[in-house]
Amino acid sequence: MSLPACPKCQSVYTYEDGSGLIICPECAFEFKAEDLAAAEIKDAVGNVLSDGDTVTIIKDLPVKGMPKPIKKGTKVKNIRLVDADENNGHDLAAKVDGFGAMNLKSSVVKKN
């Protein structure tokens, strides 16, 4: 059985200790394999998202400091999954055409 890569640094050199924890020797992150399933990020309709996916915005999103919102139906390419706890609940990072780099919530996108 192969062990999953570290969810923090993506290292493939993880190992399991005797207590059921999986440990990353590169960043010292400890996790359980069961926790990875709970950490999946899903879009508004329940599809699992991953780095590099293309998504579509499902509703108009006002952007602070901009005169117009991001329109419903806008496609966003090459998303990155980020830690929502560190980004005020936003769990995706992407570059939106006409708006630049920003963080988005997975609840307002749909996977293509």
PDB file of N, CA and C in Angstrom:
ATOM      1  N   MET A   1       0.848  -1.182   0.000  1.00  0.00           N
ATOM      2  CA  MET A   1       0.000   0.000   0.000  1.00  0.00           C
ATOM      3  C   MET A   1       0.890   1.240   0.000  1.00  0.00           C
ATOM      4  N   SER A   2       0.627   2.159  -0.907  1.00  0.00           N
ATOM      5  CA  SER A   2       1.426   3.383  -0.938  1.00  0.00           C
ATOM      6  C   SER A   2       0.764   4.437  -0.058  1.00  0.00           C
ATOM      7  N   LEU A   3       1.582   5.219   0.581  1.00  0.00           N
ATOM      8  CA  LEU A   3       1.084   6.265   1.468  1.00  0.00           C
ATOM      9  C   LEU A   3       0.822   7.538   0.674  1.00  0.00           C
ATOM     10  N   PRO A   4      -0.132   8.369   1.130  1.00  0.00           N
ATOM     11  CA  PRO A   4      -0.423   9.612   0.414  1.00  0.00           C
ATOM     12  C   PRO A   4       0.698  10.626   0.605  1.00  0.00           C
ATOM     13  N   ALA A   5       0.802  11.551  -0.346  1.00  0.00           N
ATOM     14  CA  ALA A   5       1.769  12.637  -0.234  1.00  0.00           C
ATOM     15  C   ALA A   5       1.336  13.579   0.882  1.00  0.00           C
ATOM     16  N   CYS A   6       2.274  14.322   1.405  1.00  0.00           N
ATOM     17  CA  CYS A   6       1.983  15.270   2.480  1.00  0.00           C
ATOM     18  C   CYS A   6       1.033  16.360   1.971  1.00  0.00           C
ATOM     19  N   PRO A   7      -0.074  16.597   2.663  1.00  0.00           N
ATOM     20  CA  PRO A   7      -1.013  17.630   2.208  1.00  0.00           C
ATOM     21  C   PRO A   7      -0.484  19.049   2.401  1.00  0.00           C
ATOM     22  N   LYS A   8       0.545  19.201   3.201  1.00  0.00           N
ATOM     23  CA  LYS A   8       1.091  20.535   3.461  1.00  0.00           C
ATOM     24  C   LYS A   8       2.159  20.930   2.442  1.00  0.00           C
ATOM     25  N   CYS A   9       3.140  20.030   2.200  1.00  0.00           N
ATOM     26  CA  CYS A   9       4.251  20.384   1.306  1.00  0.00           C
ATOM     27  C   CYS A   9       4.322  19.509   0.052  1.00  0.00           C
ATOM     28  N   GLN A  10       3.413  18.545  -0.086  1.00  0.00           N
ATOM     29  CA  GLN A  10       3.320  17.637  -1.232  1.00  0.00           C
ATOM     30  C   GLN A  10       4.485  16.653  -1.344  1.00  0.00           C
ATOM     31  N   SER A  11       5.262  16.478  -0.293  1.00  0.00           N
ATOM     32  CA  SER A  11       6.369  15.528  -0.304  1.00  0.00           C
ATOM     33  C   SER A  11       5.829  14.104  -0.423  1.00  0.00           C
ATOM     34  N   VAL A  12       6.505  13.288  -1.201  1.00  0.00           N
ATOM     35  CA  VAL A  12       6.092  11.893  -1.373  1.00  0.00           C
ATOM     36  C   VAL A  12       6.824  10.958  -0.414  1.00  0.00           C
ATOM     37  N   TYR A  13       7.675  11.499   0.431  1.00  0.00           N
ATOM     38  CA  TYR A  13       8.492  10.695   1.339  1.00  0.00           C
ATOM     39  C   TYR A  13       7.845  10.506   2.714  1.00  0.00           C
ATOM     40  N   THR A  14       6.554  10.382   2.766  1.00  0.00           N
ATOM     41  CA  THR A  14       5.860  10.197   4.039  1.00  0.00           C
ATOM     42  C   THR A  14       6.051   8.767   4.545  1.00  0.00           C
ATOM     43  N   TYR A  15       5.920   8.605   5.851  1.00  0.00           N
ATOM     44  CA  TYR A  15       6.010   7.281   6.444  1.00  0.00           C
ATOM     45  C   TYR A  15       5.005   7.192   7.589  1.00  0.00           C
ATOM     46  N   GLU A  16       4.655   5.962   7.935  1.00  0.00           N
ATOM     47  CA  GLU A  16       3.678   5.732   8.995  1.00  0.00           C
ATOM     48  C   GLU A  16       4.389   5.274  10.260  1.00  0.00           C
ATOM     49  N   ASP A  17       4.005   5.894  11.388  1.00  0.00           N
ATOM     50  CA  ASP A  17       4.564   5.436  12.657  1.00  0.00           C
ATOM     51  C   ASP A  17       3.664   4.345  13.229  1.00  0.00           C
ATOM     52  N   GLY A  18       3.981   3.834  14.356  1.00  0.00           N
ATOM     53  CA  GLY A  18       3.236   2.726  14.941  1.00  0.00           C
ATOM     54  C   GLY A  18       1.842   3.078  15.416  1.00  0.00           C
ATOM     55  N   SER A  19       1.532   4.356  15.624  1.00  0.00           N
ATOM     56  CA  SER A  19       0.233   4.740  16.172  1.00  0.00           C
ATOM     57  C   SER A  19      -0.806   5.083  15.092  1.00  0.00           C
ATOM     58  N   GLY A  20      -0.457   4.917  13.826  1.00  0.00           N
ATOM     59  CA  GLY A  20      -1.409   5.205  12.758  1.00  0.00           C
ATOM     60  C   GLY A  20      -1.264   6.588  12.149  1.00  0.00           C
ATOM     61  N   LEU A  21      -0.350   7.388  12.654  1.00  0.00           N
ATOM     62  CA  LEU A  21      -0.100   8.704  12.078  1.00  0.00           C
ATOM     63  C   LEU A  21       0.830   8.581  10.882  1.00  0.00           C
ATOM     64  N   ILE A  22       0.608   9.428   9.886  1.00  0.00           N
ATOM     65  CA  ILE A  22       1.513   9.520   8.751  1.00  0.00           C
ATOM     66  C   ILE A  22       2.329  10.785   8.962  1.00  0.00           C
ATOM     67  N   ILE A  23       3.632  10.682   8.816  1.00  0.00           N
ATOM     68  CA  ILE A  23       4.533  11.797   9.119  1.00  0.00           C
ATOM     69  C   ILE A  23       5.330  12.163   7.874  1.00  0.00           C
ATOM     70  N   CYS A  24       5.491  13.466   7.668  1.00  0.00           N
ATOM     71  CA  CYS A  24       6.311  13.973   6.574  1.00  0.00           C
ATOM     72  C   CYS A  24       7.686  14.338   7.137  1.00  0.00           C
ATOM     73  N   PRO A  25       8.759  13.724   6.642  1.00  0.00           N
ATOM     74  CA  PRO A  25      10.084  14.042   7.163  1.00  0.00           C
ATOM     75  C   PRO A  25      10.612  15.408   6.701  1.00  0.00           C
ATOM     76  N   GLU A  26      10.001  15.976   5.664  1.00  0.00           N
ATOM     77  CA  GLU A  26      10.494  17.249   5.137  1.00  0.00           C
ATOM     78  C   GLU A  26       9.948  18.457   5.884  1.00  0.00           C
ATOM     79  N   CYS A  27       8.665  18.416   6.277  1.00  0.00           N
ATOM     80  CA  CYS A  27       8.082  19.579   6.970  1.00  0.00           C
ATOM     81  C   CYS A  27       7.585  19.227   8.375  1.00  0.00           C
ATOM     82  N   ALA A  28       7.725  17.952   8.776  1.00  0.00           N
ATOM     83  CA  ALA A  28       7.325  17.457  10.091  1.00  0.00           C
ATOM     84  C   ALA A  28       5.818  17.518  10.337  1.00  0.00           C
ATOM     85  N   PHE A  29       5.020  17.584   9.284  1.00  0.00           N
ATOM     86  CA  PHE A  29       3.564  17.593   9.418  1.00  0.00           C
ATOM     87  C   PHE A  29       3.090  16.176   9.711  1.00  0.00           C
ATOM     88  N   GLU A  30       2.148  16.040  10.644  1.00  0.00           N
ATOM     89  CA  GLU A  30       1.582  14.748  11.011  1.00  0.00           C
ATOM     90  C   GLU A  30       0.094  14.748  10.684  1.00  0.00           C
ATOM     91  N   PHE A  31      -0.388  13.657  10.096  1.00  0.00           N
ATOM     92  CA  PHE A  31      -1.802  13.573   9.734  1.00  0.00           C
ATOM     93  C   PHE A  31      -2.230  12.112   9.684  1.00  0.00           C
ATOM     94  N   LYS A  32      -3.529  11.907   9.666  1.00  0.00           N
ATOM     95  CA  LYS A  32      -4.096  10.574   9.499  1.00  0.00           C
ATOM     96  C   LYS A  32      -4.672  10.481   8.095  1.00  0.00           C
ATOM     97  N   ALA A  33      -4.621   9.306   7.505  1.00  0.00           N
ATOM     98  CA  ALA A  33      -5.126   9.118   6.145  1.00  0.00           C
ATOM     99  C   ALA A  33      -6.617   9.439   6.069  1.00  0.00           C
ATOM    100  N   GLU A  34      -7.366   9.154   7.152  1.00  0.00           N
ATOM    101  CA  GLU A  34      -8.809   9.438   7.154  1.00  0.00           C
ATOM    102  C   GLU A  34      -9.089  10.931   7.079  1.00  0.00           C
ATOM    103  N   ASP A  35      -8.173  11.741   7.609  1.00  0.00           N
ATOM    104  CA  ASP A  35      -8.362  13.189   7.610  1.00  0.00           C
ATOM    105  C   ASP A  35      -8.283  13.777   6.210  1.00  0.00           C
ATOM    106  N   LEU A  36      -7.598  13.098   5.294  1.00  0.00           N
ATOM    107  CA  LEU A  36      -7.465  13.622   3.940  1.00  0.00           C
ATOM    108  C   LEU A  36      -8.802  13.652   3.214  1.00  0.00           C
ATOM    109  N   ALA A  37      -9.638  12.662   3.417  1.00  0.00           N
ATOM    110  CA  ALA A  37     -10.945  12.625   2.763  1.00  0.00           C
ATOM    111  C   ALA A  37     -11.807  13.792   3.233  1.00  0.00           C
ATOM    112  N   ALA A  38     -11.711  14.140   4.504  1.00  0.00           N
ATOM    113  CA  ALA A  38     -12.484  15.260   5.038  1.00  0.00           C
ATOM    114  C   ALA A  38     -11.945  16.590   4.542  1.00  0.00           C
ATOM    115  N   ALA A  39     -10.679  16.624   4.139  1.00  0.00           N
ATOM    116  CA  ALA A  39     -10.047  17.863   3.709  1.00  0.00           C
ATOM    117  C   ALA A  39     -10.276  18.155   2.231  1.00  0.00           C
ATOM    118  N   GLU A  40     -11.013  17.297   1.524  1.00  0.00           N
ATOM    119  CA  GLU A  40     -11.289  17.556   0.115  1.00  0.00           C
ATOM    120  C   GLU A  40     -12.083  18.839  -0.031  1.00  0.00           C
ATOM    121  N   ILE A  41     -11.733  19.608  -1.037  1.00  0.00           N
ATOM    122  CA  ILE A  41     -12.470  20.839  -1.324  1.00  0.00           C
ATOM    123  C   ILE A  41     -13.405  20.557  -2.483  1.00  0.00           C
ATOM    124  N   LYS A  42     -14.689  20.847  -2.278  1.00  0.00           N
ATOM    125  CA  LYS A  42     -15.703  20.579  -3.293  1.00  0.00           C
ATOM    126  C   LYS A  42     -16.315  21.879  -3.782  1.00  0.00           C
ATOM    127  N   ASP A  43     -16.768  21.872  -5.045  1.00  0.00           N
ATOM    128  CA  ASP A  43     -17.403  23.063  -5.608  1.00  0.00           C
ATOM    129  C   ASP A  43     -18.860  23.138  -5.147  1.00  0.00           C
ATOM    130  N   ALA A  44     -19.607  24.070  -5.696  1.00  0.00           N
ATOM    131  CA  ALA A  44     -20.981  24.321  -5.259  1.00  0.00           C
ATOM    132  C   ALA A  44     -21.917  23.138  -5.498  1.00  0.00           C
ATOM    133  N   VAL A  45     -21.585  22.269  -6.447  1.00  0.00           N
ATOM    134  CA  VAL A  45     -22.461  21.130  -6.736  1.00  0.00           C
ATOM    135  C   VAL A  45     -21.888  19.806  -6.255  1.00  0.00           C
ATOM    136  N   GLY A  46     -20.756  19.844  -5.524  1.00  0.00           N
ATOM    137  CA  GLY A  46     -20.216  18.642  -4.916  1.00  0.00           C
ATOM    138  C   GLY A  46     -19.084  17.961  -5.646  1.00  0.00           C
ATOM    139  N   ASN A  47     -18.597  18.531  -6.746  1.00  0.00           N
ATOM    140  CA  ASN A  47     -17.452  17.956  -7.446  1.00  0.00           C
ATOM    141  C   ASN A  47     -16.170  18.259  -6.675  1.00  0.00           C
ATOM    142  N   VAL A  48     -15.268  17.290  -6.576  1.00  0.00           N
ATOM    143  CA  VAL A  48     -14.001  17.492  -5.884  1.00  0.00           C
ATOM    144  C   VAL A  48     -13.074  18.323  -6.764  1.00  0.00           C
ATOM    145  N   LEU A  49     -12.505  19.372  -6.181  1.00  0.00           N
ATOM    146  CA  LEU A  49     -11.597  20.256  -6.909  1.00  0.00           C
ATOM    147  C   LEU A  49     -10.153  19.868  -6.630  1.00  0.00           C
ATOM    148  N   SER A  50      -9.280  20.138  -7.597  1.00  0.00           N
ATOM    149  CA  SER A  50      -7.851  19.906  -7.404  1.00  0.00           C
ATOM    150  C   SER A  50      -7.073  21.016  -8.093  1.00  0.00           C
ATOM    151  N   ASP A  51      -5.801  21.123  -7.758  1.00  0.00           N
ATOM    152  CA  ASP A  51      -4.950  22.154  -8.357  1.00  0.00           C
ATOM    153  C   ASP A  51      -4.951  22.025  -9.875  1.00  0.00           C
ATOM    154  N   GLY A  52      -5.040  23.162 -10.564  1.00  0.00           N
ATOM    155  CA  GLY A  52      -4.999  23.178 -12.016  1.00  0.00           C
ATOM    156  C   GLY A  52      -6.347  23.078 -12.706  1.00  0.00           C
ATOM    157  N   ASP A  53      -7.416  22.857 -11.952  1.00  0.00           N
ATOM    158  CA  ASP A  53      -8.750  22.755 -12.547  1.00  0.00           C
ATOM    159  C   ASP A  53      -9.203  24.092 -13.121  1.00  0.00           C
ATOM    160  N   THR A  54     -10.137  24.019 -14.050  1.00  0.00           N
ATOM    161  CA  THR A  54     -10.818  25.198 -14.572  1.00  0.00           C
ATOM    162  C   THR A  54     -12.221  25.208 -13.987  1.00  0.00           C
ATOM    163  N   VAL A  55     -12.651  26.355 -13.477  1.00  0.00           N
ATOM    164  CA  VAL A  55     -13.964  26.485 -12.864  1.00  0.00           C
ATOM    165  C   VAL A  55     -14.711  27.664 -13.475  1.00  0.00           C
ATOM    166  N   THR A  56     -16.022  27.683 -13.244  1.00  0.00           N
ATOM    167  CA  THR A  56     -16.881  28.779 -13.694  1.00  0.00           C
ATOM    168  C   THR A  56     -17.547  29.405 -12.485  1.00  0.00           C
ATOM    169  N   ILE A  57     -17.566  30.745 -12.445  1.00  0.00           N
ATOM    170  CA  ILE A  57     -18.234  31.471 -11.369  1.00  0.00           C
ATOM    171  C   ILE A  57     -19.740  31.302 -11.552  1.00  0.00           C
ATOM    172  N   ILE A  58     -20.482  30.972 -10.482  1.00  0.00           N
ATOM    173  CA  ILE A  58     -21.913  30.682 -10.625  1.00  0.00           C
ATOM    174  C   ILE A  58     -22.821  31.839 -10.220  1.00  0.00           C
ATOM    175  N   LYS A  59     -22.251  32.950  -9.717  1.00  0.00           N
ATOM    176  CA  LYS A  59     -23.067  34.120  -9.417  1.00  0.00           C
ATOM    177  C   LYS A  59     -22.192  35.364  -9.477  1.00  0.00           C
ATOM    178  N   ASP A  60     -22.801  36.524  -9.695  1.00  0.00           N
ATOM    179  CA  ASP A  60     -22.043  37.772  -9.729  1.00  0.00           C
ATOM    180  C   ASP A  60     -21.365  37.996  -8.378  1.00  0.00           C
ATOM    181  N   LEU A  61     -20.086  38.357  -8.422  1.00  0.00           N
ATOM    182  CA  LEU A  61     -19.311  38.566  -7.194  1.00  0.00           C
ATOM    183  C   LEU A  61     -18.803  40.003  -7.136  1.00  0.00           C
ATOM    184  N   PRO A  62     -19.293  40.800  -6.189  1.00  0.00           N
ATOM    185  CA  PRO A  62     -18.754  42.150  -6.051  1.00  0.00           C
ATOM    186  C   PRO A  62     -17.308  42.083  -5.558  1.00  0.00           C
ATOM    187  N   VAL A  63     -16.470  42.979  -6.082  1.00  0.00           N
ATOM    188  CA  VAL A  63     -15.063  43.018  -5.697  1.00  0.00           C
ATOM    189  C   VAL A  63     -14.785  44.392  -5.109  1.00  0.00           C
ATOM    190  N   LYS A  64     -14.299  44.394  -3.873  1.00  0.00           N
ATOM    191  CA  LYS A  64     -14.020  45.646  -3.180  1.00  0.00           C
ATOM    192  C   LYS A  64     -13.010  46.470  -3.993  1.00  0.00           C
ATOM    193  N   GLY A  65     -13.330  47.738  -4.218  1.00  0.00           N
ATOM    194  CA  GLY A  65     -12.437  48.632  -4.941  1.00  0.00           C
ATOM    195  C   GLY A  65     -12.578  48.589  -6.451  1.00  0.00           C
ATOM    196  N   MET A  66     -13.470  47.763  -6.964  1.00  0.00           N
ATOM    197  CA  MET A  66     -13.674  47.665  -8.415  1.00  0.00           C
ATOM    198  C   MET A  66     -15.076  48.173  -8.747  1.00  0.00           C
ATOM    199  N   PRO A  67     -15.220  48.865  -9.875  1.00  0.00           N
ATOM    200  CA  PRO A  67     -16.523  49.430 -10.227  1.00  0.00           C
ATOM    201  C   PRO A  67     -17.552  48.397 -10.688  1.00  0.00           C
ATOM    202  N   LYS A  68     -17.097  47.226 -11.112  1.00  0.00           N
ATOM    203  CA  LYS A  68     -18.036  46.204 -11.596  1.00  0.00           C
ATOM    204  C   LYS A  68     -17.725  44.862 -10.939  1.00  0.00           C
ATOM    205  N   PRO A  69     -18.716  43.987 -10.834  1.00  0.00           N
ATOM    206  CA  PRO A  69     -18.496  42.664 -10.218  1.00  0.00           C
ATOM    207  C   PRO A  69     -17.911  41.678 -11.221  1.00  0.00           C
ATOM    208  N   ILE A  70     -17.428  40.556 -10.707  1.00  0.00           N
ATOM    209  CA  ILE A  70     -17.070  39.429 -11.572  1.00  0.00           C
ATOM    210  C   ILE A  70     -18.398  38.813 -11.989  1.00  0.00           C
ATOM    211  N   LYS A  71     -18.639  38.717 -13.274  1.00  0.00           N
ATOM    212  CA  LYS A  71     -19.932  38.252 -13.786  1.00  0.00           C
ATOM    213  C   LYS A  71     -20.093  36.739 -13.691  1.00  0.00           C
ATOM    214  N   LYS A  72     -21.322  36.327 -13.481  1.00  0.00           N
ATOM    215  CA  LYS A  72     -21.691  34.917 -13.500  1.00  0.00           C
ATOM    216  C   LYS A  72     -21.285  34.338 -14.854  1.00  0.00           C
ATOM    217  N   GLY A  73     -20.693  33.151 -14.854  1.00  0.00           N
ATOM    218  CA  GLY A  73     -20.274  32.502 -16.094  1.00  0.00           C
ATOM    219  C   GLY A  73     -18.822  32.747 -16.461  1.00  0.00           C
ATOM    220  N   THR A  74     -18.121  33.580 -15.691  1.00  0.00           N
ATOM    221  CA  THR A  74     -16.705  33.833 -15.956  1.00  0.00           C
ATOM    222  C   THR A  74     -15.900  32.566 -15.684  1.00  0.00           C
ATOM    223  N   LYS A  75     -15.064  32.172 -16.647  1.00  0.00           N
ATOM    224  CA  LYS A  75     -14.222  30.991 -16.467  1.00  0.00           C
ATOM    225  C   LYS A  75     -12.914  31.407 -15.829  1.00  0.00           C
ATOM    226  N   VAL A  76     -12.468  30.598 -14.883  1.00  0.00           N
ATOM    227  CA  VAL A  76     -11.206  30.828 -14.187  1.00  0.00           C
ATOM    228  C   VAL A  76     -10.364  29.575 -14.379  1.00  0.00           C
ATOM    229  N   LYS A  77      -9.199  29.738 -14.991  1.00  0.00           N
ATOM    230  CA  LYS A  77      -8.325  28.603 -15.288  1.00  0.00           C
ATOM    231  C   LYS A  77      -7.246  28.459 -14.227  1.00  0.00           C
ATOM    232  N   ASN A  78      -6.771  27.242 -14.083  1.00  0.00           N
ATOM    233  CA  ASN A  78      -5.597  26.930 -13.281  1.00  0.00           C
ATOM    234  C   ASN A  78      -5.717  27.404 -11.830  1.00  0.00           C
ATOM    235  N   ILE A  79      -6.737  26.929 -11.134  1.00  0.00           N
ATOM    236  CA  ILE A  79      -6.912  27.302  -9.729  1.00  0.00           C
ATOM    237  C   ILE A  79      -5.881  26.584  -8.859  1.00  0.00           C
ATOM    238  N   ARG A  80      -5.643  27.134  -7.668  1.00  0.00           N
ATOM    239  CA  ARG A  80      -4.801  26.490  -6.661  1.00  0.00           C
ATOM    240  C   ARG A  80      -5.617  26.362  -5.385  1.00  0.00           C
ATOM    241  N   LEU A  81      -5.516  25.237  -4.726  1.00  0.00           N
ATOM    242  CA  LEU A  81      -6.187  25.032  -3.445  1.00  0.00           C
ATOM    243  C   LEU A  81      -5.315  25.620  -2.348  1.00  0.00           C
ATOM    244  N   VAL A  82      -5.918  26.422  -1.477  1.00  0.00           N
ATOM    245  CA  VAL A  82      -5.182  27.043  -0.376  1.00  0.00           C
ATOM    246  C   VAL A  82      -5.905  26.774   0.931  1.00  0.00           C
ATOM    247  N   ASP A  83      -5.256  27.050   2.036  1.00  0.00           N
ATOM    248  CA  ASP A  83      -5.832  26.822   3.358  1.00  0.00           C
ATOM    249  C   ASP A  83      -6.854  27.910   3.670  1.00  0.00           C
ATOM    250  N   ALA A  84      -8.098  27.524   3.838  1.00  0.00           N
ATOM    251  CA  ALA A  84      -9.171  28.490   4.099  1.00  0.00           C
ATOM    252  C   ALA A  84      -8.988  29.201   5.430  1.00  0.00           C
ATOM    253  N   ASP A  85      -8.378  28.536   6.410  1.00  0.00           N
ATOM    254  CA  ASP A  85      -8.173  29.153   7.722  1.00  0.00           C
ATOM    255  C   ASP A  85      -7.234  30.347   7.640  1.00  0.00           C
ATOM    256  N   GLU A  86      -6.296  30.314   6.715  1.00  0.00           N
ATOM    257  CA  GLU A  86      -5.337  31.399   6.564  1.00  0.00           C
ATOM    258  C   GLU A  86      -5.833  32.502   5.630  1.00  0.00           C
ATOM    259  N   ASN A  87      -6.924  32.260   4.911  1.00  0.00           N
ATOM    260  CA  ASN A  87      -7.397  33.194   3.886  1.00  0.00           C
ATOM    261  C   ASN A  87      -8.845  33.628   4.090  1.00  0.00           C
ATOM    262  N   ASN A  88      -9.259  33.812   5.331  1.00  0.00           N
ATOM    263  CA  ASN A  88     -10.615  34.294   5.651  1.00  0.00           C
ATOM    264  C   ASN A  88     -11.720  33.480   4.995  1.00  0.00           C
ATOM    265  N   GLY A  89     -11.569  32.166   4.976  1.00  0.00           N
ATOM    266  CA  GLY A  89     -12.607  31.298   4.436  1.00  0.00           C
ATOM    267  C   GLY A  89     -12.531  31.067   2.939  1.00  0.00           C
ATOM    268  N   HIS A  90     -11.612  31.732   2.261  1.00  0.00           N
ATOM    269  CA  HIS A  90     -11.426  31.538   0.829  1.00  0.00           C
ATOM    270  C   HIS A  90     -10.468  30.369   0.632  1.00  0.00           C
ATOM    271  N   ASP A  91     -10.912  29.335  -0.099  1.00  0.00           N
ATOM    272  CA  ASP A  91     -10.090  28.148  -0.228  1.00  0.00           C
ATOM    273  C   ASP A  91      -9.508  27.918  -1.620  1.00  0.00           C
ATOM    274  N   LEU A  92      -9.669  28.885  -2.524  1.00  0.00           N
ATOM    275  CA  LEU A  92      -9.096  28.808  -3.865  1.00  0.00           C
ATOM    276  C   LEU A  92      -8.320  30.082  -4.165  1.00  0.00           C
ATOM    277  N   ALA A  93      -7.207  29.945  -4.861  1.00  0.00           N
ATOM    278  CA  ALA A  93      -6.448  31.104  -5.340  1.00  0.00           C
ATOM    279  C   ALA A  93      -6.388  30.990  -6.859  1.00  0.00           C
ATOM    280  N   ALA A  94      -6.588  32.119  -7.549  1.00  0.00           N
ATOM    281  CA  ALA A  94      -6.606  32.100  -9.006  1.00  0.00           C
ATOM    282  C   ALA A  94      -6.391  33.496  -9.561  1.00  0.00           C
ATOM    283  N   LYS A  95      -6.124  33.551 -10.865  1.00  0.00           N
ATOM    284  CA  LYS A  95      -6.067  34.819 -11.568  1.00  0.00           C
ATOM    285  C   LYS A  95      -7.337  34.918 -12.402  1.00  0.00           C
ATOM    286  N   VAL A  96      -8.119  35.960 -12.146  1.00  0.00           N
ATOM    287  CA  VAL A  96      -9.375  36.166 -12.868  1.00  0.00           C
ATOM    288  C   VAL A  96      -9.128  37.235 -13.916  1.00  0.00           C
ATOM    289  N   ASP A  97      -9.423  36.925 -15.181  1.00  0.00           N
ATOM    290  CA  ASP A  97      -9.212  37.882 -16.262  1.00  0.00           C
ATOM    291  C   ASP A  97      -9.925  39.194 -15.975  1.00  0.00           C
ATOM    292  N   GLY A  98      -9.196  40.298 -16.090  1.00  0.00           N
ATOM    293  CA  GLY A  98      -9.757  41.617 -15.856  1.00  0.00           C
ATOM    294  C   GLY A  98      -9.743  42.056 -14.404  1.00  0.00           C
ATOM    295  N   PHE A  99      -9.414  41.143 -13.482  1.00  0.00           N
ATOM    296  CA  PHE A  99      -9.417  41.463 -12.059  1.00  0.00           C
ATOM    297  C   PHE A  99      -8.083  41.136 -11.386  1.00  0.00           C
ATOM    298  N   GLY A 100      -7.298  40.229 -11.948  1.00  0.00           N
ATOM    299  CA  GLY A 100      -6.009  39.868 -11.374  1.00  0.00           C
ATOM    300  C   GLY A 100      -6.096  38.713 -10.399  1.00  0.00           C
ATOM    301  N   ALA A 101      -5.037  38.563  -9.611  1.00  0.00           N
ATOM    302  CA  ALA A 101      -4.958  37.466  -8.653  1.00  0.00           C
ATOM    303  C   ALA A 101      -5.877  37.732  -7.468  1.00  0.00           C
ATOM    304  N   MET A 102      -6.610  36.708  -7.060  1.00  0.00           N
ATOM    305  CA  MET A 102      -7.502  36.835  -5.905  1.00  0.00           C
ATOM    306  C   MET A 102      -7.845  35.471  -5.346  1.00  0.00           C
ATOM    307  N   ASN A 103      -8.394  35.481  -4.157  1.00  0.00           N
ATOM    308  CA  ASN A 103      -8.877  34.263  -3.512  1.00  0.00           C
ATOM    309  C   ASN A 103     -10.381  34.170  -3.699  1.00  0.00           C
ATOM    310  N   LEU A 104     -10.867  32.946  -3.883  1.00  0.00           N
ATOM    311  CA  LEU A 104     -12.297  32.695  -4.078  1.00  0.00           C
ATOM    312  C   LEU A 104     -12.750  31.609  -3.110  1.00  0.00           C
ATOM    313  N   LYS A 105     -14.048  31.554  -2.879  1.00  0.00           N
ATOM    314  CA  LYS A 105     -14.626  30.476  -2.090  1.00  0.00           C
ATOM    315  C   LYS A 105     -15.120  29.394  -3.054  1.00  0.00           C
ATOM    316  N   SER A 106     -14.935  28.147  -2.665  1.00  0.00           N
ATOM    317  CA  SER A 106     -15.356  27.051  -3.529  1.00  0.00           C
ATOM    318  C   SER A 106     -16.868  26.987  -3.678  1.00  0.00           C
ATOM    319  N   SER A 107     -17.595  27.610  -2.778  1.00  0.00           N
ATOM    320  CA  SER A 107     -19.062  27.593  -2.825  1.00  0.00           C
ATOM    321  C   SER A 107     -19.632  28.464  -3.942  1.00  0.00           C
ATOM    322  N   VAL A 108     -18.806  29.264  -4.604  1.00  0.00           N
ATOM    323  CA  VAL A 108     -19.314  30.133  -5.681  1.00  0.00           C
ATOM    324  C   VAL A 108     -18.762  29.734  -7.045  1.00  0.00           C
ATOM    325  N   VAL A 109     -18.189  28.527  -7.135  1.00  0.00           N
ATOM    326  CA  VAL A 109     -17.671  28.054  -8.418  1.00  0.00           C
ATOM    327  C   VAL A 109     -18.208  26.671  -8.734  1.00  0.00           C
ATOM    328  N   LYS A 110     -18.163  26.332 -10.028  1.00  0.00           N
ATOM    329  CA  LYS A 110     -18.556  25.007 -10.504  1.00  0.00           C
ATOM    330  C   LYS A 110     -17.440  24.498 -11.401  1.00  0.00           C
ATOM    331  N   LYS A 111     -17.013  23.262 -11.182  1.00  0.00           N
ATOM    332  CA  LYS A 111     -15.938  22.661 -11.981  1.00  0.00           C
ATOM    333  C   LYS A 111     -16.422  22.438 -13.413  1.00  0.00           C
ATOM    334  N   ASN A 112     -15.553  22.699 -14.377  1.00  0.00           N
ATOM    335  CA  ASN A 112     -15.900  22.476 -15.792  1.00  0.00           C
ATOM    336  C   ASN A 112     -15.596  21.060 -16.199  1.00  0.00           C
TER     337      ASN A 112
END
